[in-house]
């Protein structure tokens, strides 16, 4: 402590006159009688007299003793005093006379100075007792008003957090009075604000502690965290699932060769497909399209012929985002002959866009730029002829108002979108919901407008290719296969999900295995336990309880009825089983005593 504080505790101040023995007065009277009987109470030079505990007052402005402390007698140096002591100044120390209020008098004979050792001991004792009293009071109040204390604590945490409460928003910017905030429906969000994310995540460790590497559980829990906008935890769970499966790889299994295959029809392999897909989605959202493209190629290489997750609907989008136009063009050229990639709306529009964006690069020779521009124009006209229902929704997504001639034409008008088959509408919605922003550049729109006018001229001229494309649309896109539906569910694009057929939307879809294949190959089957038959022959039921493996021929397990033609055979088998049981029982009963005790024979005689 500082010197100034010590002087104040001892009653010293600079420039004070020493106080006499009657500087302090213990006033045990009422306030009305204090002035009249004050001089009569003091006694000089000795120890102050003991008084009652009620009504005790110390008329000193700098008193260090509370009235509550006077209720208990202090113990000083192992002895209990009969009355409380005051912390007075040490002998020879200087003290300043207090500036009392009107009507306050000091009696010189009221108190004497106490030694510093005794005053320090008594002060510590009083503080200790006071703490115990406060502790008891606080404990009693908490037990009685537990819920109120929790509310007060939460309010105190909110106030200490320094949360700013902005003023009311203007009427035009306000949401509906019944608008529900999705984030605030989760109680963990509020608990994280109060107690921190670590305290809340400690409870969500329901499953991760017991089975930290159960892949299906990790994938399902990752979806739950993603729905709660906890992206970091969702990514961590997917990476943990990938790590657990990577530890089980065969030494000859190579992910980068593109020659390793995994059959999606086996349930053991599906988790690996889905974990890779979710990891690819996280990478794309984080702004890493090139890395996501490599994951897409990896998933496609595991089973390229069947393509269970239909990655061909996504690989063109990632290639354009990664500006890897050469790869997309090469894939289209090599697979068009046997996969008919031009029949997919995403490839039909993405490949000419890749040619056009390649022609905009200045580091290529002039001849290559011109060839790429011509190829882009040719392919985009074929795409517009095959899929005329893409143009108007694409312009609407890009906030571009079409020309009156184009909007009113029968080929690109509203009828083109309505007359599309359901499966084609689903593919168009999937492509536009995912890749429409790639067409927003002014140069791209000018190039598209130029080719739209040429297509209209061909349609008005009666080009036979227009009728051929119309007949193919009616035949090819009647119903989408199951892998496309699975891809739409995983993509979570609202427009495409809304176009799913009712037989798919009414099914229960699990995040760890959406729409499993109908021709699933099970590597092992759990043996089916046959329930005991409650009806049938009484004798057969009795012996079945003794021999659980016994089954009469001709008996149907579903209804417990014995077949007529095989009744005799069943009874014969029953009798043979009884004979075997009785024979074994007889032999065991007779042979056991002879081997164990040789003297038992004489006793039986």
Foldseek 3Di string as FASTA:
>chain_A
DDPVVVCLLQQADPPAAAAAQQLWAWDQDDLVCCLPCVQVQFDADDAADADDLPRIDIQDPSFPDDSVLFVDFFAFPNHTDPGHDGAYHDPPGGHHRDDGDPPDDITNRRHGHDDPRRNVRSVVVSVVVVVVVVVVVVVVVCVVPVVVVVVVLQVVQVVVVPDDDDDDDDPVPDDDPPDDDPLVVDVLVVVCSRPNPVVVVVVVCVPCVVCVAPLLVLLQVLVVCVSNVNNVSSLVSLVSNLVVVVVVDDPPDDQPPLQAADDQLALVCLSVLLSLVVNLVSCVVVPNLVVSLSSLSSSCSRPVVPSLQPSLLPNLQSCVSVLVLVVLLVVCVVCCVPPVSCVQLLNLQSNLVSLQVVLPDDVDDPVSSVVSPVVSLVSNLLSCLLQLQLPVVLCVLLVHDDDPVQQPDPSNHPVSNVPFALQNNLSSLSNCLRRSVVQNDPVSVVSSVVSVVVSVVCVVVPPVVSVVSVVCRVPPRNDDDPSVVSNLVVVPRVSNPVSDDPVQVPDDARSSQGPNDPSRDYPDDDDDDQDDAPDDDPLVSVVCVVPVPDDFPQADSVHRYRDDVRPVVRVVVVVVVVVVVVVVVVVVVPPVVVVPDVPVVVVVD
